[in-house]
Protein backbone atom coordinates (compact mmCIF):
# COMPACT_ATOMS: atom_id res chain seq x y z
CA MET A 1 -4.99 -9.61 18.82
CA ALA A 2 -2.92 -8.88 16.04
CA VAL A 3 -1.72 -11.56 13.85
CA PRO A 4 1.95 -11.84 11.88
CA ILE A 5 1.57 -10.99 8.12
CA ALA A 6 2.81 -14.06 7.04
CA GLU A 7 0.41 -16.47 9.11
CA ALA A 8 -2.67 -14.32 8.30
CA LEU A 9 -2.34 -14.52 4.53
CA ALA A 10 -0.83 -18.28 4.59
CA GLY A 11 -4.05 -19.40 6.64
CA LEU A 12 -6.30 -17.14 4.12
CA ASN A 13 -5.00 -18.59 0.99
CA ALA A 14 -4.46 -22.48 2.24
CA ASP A 15 -7.68 -23.10 0.90
CA ARG A 16 -7.00 -22.32 -2.56
CA GLY A 17 -3.60 -23.52 -2.91
CA ALA A 18 -2.42 -19.78 -3.58
CA SER A 19 0.63 -17.67 -3.25
CA PRO A 20 1.04 -15.97 0.37
CA ALA A 21 0.05 -12.66 -1.63
CA GLY A 22 -3.17 -13.32 -3.89
CA LYS A 23 -4.60 -10.51 -6.01
CA MET A 24 -3.23 -6.86 -5.12
CA ILE A 25 -5.21 -3.98 -5.65
CA PHE A 26 -3.84 -0.65 -5.63
CA VAL A 27 -5.81 3.12 -5.58
CA GLY A 28 -3.77 5.83 -7.14
CA LEU A 29 -4.50 9.37 -5.94
CA ASN A 30 -6.85 8.82 -3.04
CA TYR A 31 -5.87 11.55 -0.42
CA GLN A 32 -7.33 15.10 -0.50
CA ASP A 33 -3.61 16.60 0.29
CA HIS A 34 -2.03 13.90 -2.03
CA GLN A 35 -4.08 15.12 -4.69
CA ALA A 36 -3.71 18.75 -3.72
CA GLU A 37 0.09 18.00 -4.30
CA THR A 38 -0.01 17.32 -7.64
CA PRO A 39 -1.19 19.06 -10.83
CA LEU A 40 -3.92 16.59 -11.48
CA ALA A 41 -7.50 17.03 -10.69
CA ALA A 42 -9.59 15.49 -8.25
CA PRO A 43 -11.10 11.60 -9.21
CA THR A 44 -14.56 11.01 -10.05
CA GLU A 45 -14.22 7.64 -9.14
CA PRO A 46 -11.25 5.39 -7.95
CA ALA A 47 -8.32 5.02 -9.85
CA ILE A 48 -7.68 1.38 -9.75
CA PHE A 49 -4.08 -0.66 -10.93
CA ALA A 50 -2.25 -3.79 -9.61
CA LYS A 51 0.67 -4.69 -8.14
CA LEU A 52 2.96 -7.88 -8.78
CA PRO A 53 3.29 -10.39 -5.84
CA ASN A 54 6.99 -11.07 -6.44
CA ALA A 55 7.41 -7.21 -5.15
CA VAL A 56 5.88 -8.05 -1.99
CA ILE A 57 8.65 -8.12 1.05
CA GLY A 58 8.36 -8.40 4.86
CA ASP A 59 9.18 -6.04 7.90
CA ARG A 60 13.25 -5.19 8.00
CA ASP A 61 13.53 -7.05 4.64
CA PRO A 62 15.76 -5.09 2.39
CA ILE A 63 14.01 -2.40 -0.79
CA VAL A 64 16.83 -3.24 -3.42
CA ILE A 65 17.31 0.02 -5.68
CA PRO A 66 17.86 -1.81 -9.32
CA ALA A 67 21.42 -1.35 -10.98
CA GLY A 68 22.48 -0.46 -14.32
CA ARG A 69 20.32 2.84 -14.54
CA GLU A 70 19.46 6.22 -12.75
CA SER A 71 16.97 5.38 -10.21
CA ARG A 72 14.05 7.97 -8.83
CA VAL A 73 12.90 5.19 -6.13
CA ASP A 74 10.01 6.71 -3.76
CA TYR A 75 8.06 5.70 -0.72
CA GLU A 76 4.38 5.57 -0.31
CA GLY A 77 2.89 4.68 3.17
CA GLU A 78 -0.60 3.19 2.84
CA LEU A 79 -3.25 1.35 4.88
CA ALA A 80 -3.95 -1.79 3.08
CA VAL A 81 -7.33 -4.08 3.79
CA ILE A 82 -7.19 -7.96 3.70
CA VAL A 83 -10.30 -9.92 2.32
CA GLY A 84 -11.68 -12.47 4.52
CA ARG A 85 -14.26 -13.83 2.45
CA ARG A 86 -15.43 -13.87 -1.23
CA ALA A 87 -16.56 -10.60 -2.35
CA SER A 88 -18.73 -9.72 -5.36
CA GLY A 89 -21.36 -6.68 -5.76
CA LEU A 90 -20.70 -5.53 -2.42
CA THR A 91 -22.45 -2.34 -1.48
CA VAL A 92 -21.02 0.51 1.01
CA GLU A 93 -23.15 -1.02 3.76
CA ASN A 94 -21.90 -4.36 3.28
CA ALA A 95 -18.70 -3.93 2.49
CA LEU A 96 -16.82 -4.19 5.89
CA GLU A 97 -18.48 -7.75 6.70
CA HIS A 98 -16.16 -9.04 4.68
CA VAL A 99 -12.52 -7.52 6.02
CA TYR A 100 -10.62 -9.99 7.78
CA GLY A 101 -8.29 -6.98 8.95
CA TYR A 102 -5.70 -4.36 8.11
CA THR A 103 -2.25 -4.13 7.89
CA ILE A 104 0.87 -1.89 6.63
CA LEU A 105 1.79 -1.50 3.04
CA ASN A 106 4.66 0.95 1.28
CA ASP A 107 3.60 1.41 -2.14
CA VAL A 108 7.83 1.48 -3.20
CA THR A 109 7.79 3.22 -7.09
CA ASP A 110 10.61 3.85 -9.58
CA ARG A 111 9.35 7.45 -10.61
CA GLY A 112 11.42 7.54 -13.44
CA ILE A 113 9.87 4.05 -14.59
CA GLN A 114 6.22 5.47 -14.20
CA PHE A 115 6.64 8.68 -15.30
CA ASP A 116 9.51 8.83 -18.13
CA HIS A 117 7.84 5.33 -19.46
CA GLU A 118 4.67 5.65 -18.51
CA GLN A 119 5.00 1.96 -17.14
CA LEU A 120 2.50 2.10 -13.84
CA ILE A 121 2.39 -1.73 -13.17
CA LEU A 122 6.11 -2.22 -14.17
CA GLY A 123 7.49 0.85 -11.87
CA LYS A 124 5.41 -0.36 -9.02
CA GLY A 125 6.27 -4.05 -9.42
CA ILE A 126 9.73 -4.68 -9.36
CA ASP A 127 11.17 -7.26 -6.57
CA THR A 128 11.19 -6.10 -3.17
CA PHE A 129 9.04 -3.24 -3.56
CA CYS A 130 5.73 -4.06 -1.79
CA PRO A 131 7.14 -3.73 1.81
CA LEU A 132 4.13 -5.38 3.89
CA GLY A 133 3.15 -6.07 7.52
CA PRO A 134 4.32 -6.82 10.06
CA VAL A 135 1.22 -7.66 11.46
CA VAL A 136 -2.38 -7.76 10.51
CA ALA A 137 -5.08 -5.77 13.01
CA LEU A 138 -8.36 -8.00 12.86
CA ALA A 139 -11.46 -6.06 11.68
CA GLU A 140 -12.62 -5.74 15.30
CA GLU A 141 -9.69 -4.07 16.46
CA ILE A 142 -10.00 -1.51 13.79
CA PRO A 143 -13.76 -0.06 13.80
CA ASP A 144 -13.38 2.74 11.85
CA PRO A 145 -10.76 2.58 9.33
CA GLY A 146 -11.49 6.03 8.41
CA ASP A 147 -10.11 7.66 11.21
CA LEU A 148 -6.20 6.13 11.68
CA GLN A 149 -3.20 8.10 11.78
CA LEU A 150 -0.67 7.19 8.98
CA THR A 151 3.03 8.44 9.74
CA THR A 152 5.86 7.72 7.31
CA ARG A 153 9.66 8.42 8.29
CA VAL A 154 13.17 8.24 6.08
CA ASN A 155 15.83 8.09 8.74
CA GLY A 156 13.76 9.14 11.42
CA GLU A 157 12.32 12.32 9.49
CA VAL A 158 8.41 12.81 9.45
CA ARG A 159 7.91 12.93 5.21
CA GLN A 160 4.10 12.04 5.34
CA GLN A 161 1.88 12.66 8.10
CA ALA A 162 -2.22 12.14 7.54
CA SER A 163 -5.53 10.51 8.74
CA THR A 164 -7.29 8.23 6.60
CA ALA A 165 -10.49 10.64 7.01
CA LEU A 166 -8.46 12.35 4.26
CA LEU A 167 -9.33 9.46 1.74
CA ILE A 168 -11.05 10.83 -1.32
CA PHE A 169 -12.97 7.21 -1.73
CA SER A 170 -13.36 5.52 1.98
CA VAL A 171 -12.58 1.83 2.76
CA PRO A 172 -16.32 0.73 1.98
CA GLU A 173 -16.65 2.56 -1.10
CA LEU A 174 -12.94 1.07 -2.44
CA LEU A 175 -14.45 -2.27 -1.64
CA ALA A 176 -18.00 -1.55 -3.32
CA PHE A 177 -16.27 0.04 -6.58
CA ILE A 178 -13.99 -2.63 -7.00
CA THR A 179 -16.30 -5.49 -6.42
CA ARG A 180 -18.52 -4.29 -9.28
CA PHE A 181 -16.19 -5.27 -11.89
CA VAL A 182 -13.95 -8.09 -10.29
CA SER A 183 -14.33 -10.85 -7.41
CA LEU A 184 -12.20 -10.44 -4.26
CA GLU A 185 -11.36 -13.75 -2.61
CA LEU A 186 -10.28 -14.15 0.83
CA GLY A 187 -6.35 -13.27 1.10
CA ASP A 188 -6.61 -10.80 -1.15
CA ILE A 189 -4.90 -7.17 -0.91
CA VAL A 190 -6.32 -3.68 -1.45
CA SER A 191 -4.56 -0.52 -0.43
CA THR A 192 -6.04 2.57 0.01
CA GLY A 193 -3.64 5.11 -1.34
CA THR A 194 -0.51 7.46 -0.13
CA PRO A 195 -1.00 10.68 1.78
CA ALA A 196 0.69 14.06 0.87
CA GLY A 197 4.77 14.22 1.07
CA CYS A 198 5.99 11.84 -1.34
CA GLY A 199 9.47 12.38 -2.40
CA ALA A 200 8.48 13.25 -6.00
CA PHE A 201 6.78 15.81 -4.86
CA ALA A 202 8.98 17.68 -2.48
CA ASP A 203 10.87 20.57 -3.87
CA PRO A 204 13.58 19.27 -4.35
CA PRO A 205 12.91 15.83 -5.00
CA THR A 206 14.10 13.27 -2.24
CA TYR A 207 14.35 9.87 -3.30
CA LEU A 208 15.48 6.94 -1.34
CA GLN A 209 19.24 6.15 -1.56
CA PRO A 210 21.00 3.22 -0.35
CA GLY A 211 21.83 3.06 3.70
CA ASP A 212 18.18 4.49 4.05
CA GLU A 213 15.73 3.46 6.46
CA VAL A 214 11.67 3.75 5.80
CA SER A 215 9.39 3.12 8.36
CA VAL A 216 5.17 3.48 7.82
CA ALA A 217 3.21 3.60 11.45
CA ILE A 218 -0.33 3.23 11.11
CA GLU A 219 -2.46 3.72 14.56
CA GLY A 220 -3.69 0.25 16.14
CA ILE A 221 -1.32 -1.54 13.68
CA GLY A 222 2.10 -1.00 14.33
CA GLU A 223 5.27 -0.08 12.58
CA LEU A 224 6.75 -1.32 9.24
CA ARG A 225 10.45 -0.71 8.88
CA ASN A 226 12.78 -1.66 5.39
CA PRO A 227 16.36 -0.41 4.88
CA VAL A 228 17.16 0.52 1.43
CA VAL A 229 20.02 -0.90 -0.33
CA ALA A 230 21.70 -1.24 -3.73
CA ALA A 231 21.47 -4.33 -5.99
CA ALA A 232 24.79 -5.65 -6.72
CA ALA A 233 25.89 -4.91 -10.11
């Protein structure tokens, strides 16, 4: 049975006295269709970065567009993996044994900060820029994380629609690669990348605006919904 995201993370992190979100490790350019819509070459190994815990919000919580500057805020629907026990030096063969479950994540990004200022973590780490949830589907409920349908909508319009079969690096491959360098702890989150259809790569680009609603649905897990609002001046 799926577990509410807050309950799952609080329980997993209780023993170590951590905040509800532990390490959050992300992967860039990890869908074949997303790579094809960019001018970038296909990666030969996962491109890893981190997201900041202050960005985490829940289902129905607002994504807040910062005030005081032109903003190019984008959505990125993703499948996220919740680590169930300490993991170091994993192999592709045993990696899924360390997974507690799977949830939905929106890797919201300010493209102006990311591209113009070359500040990846800052552009992705703004407060409210990591909607997460609403539940965790336990690992036994998702026997194959490489065969799930993901759909992102803005105001009901489909913007992203793809299968995790299009992942360049699978969930086991990602976990094995990351744990060559960084130990994962229970409650840590590994987000697996986003498919084609981000607003930045539309013609013309279609960024989020106050009044929008973004939803990300993943087969077997559920749907994550968040309104978009403007910050107070």
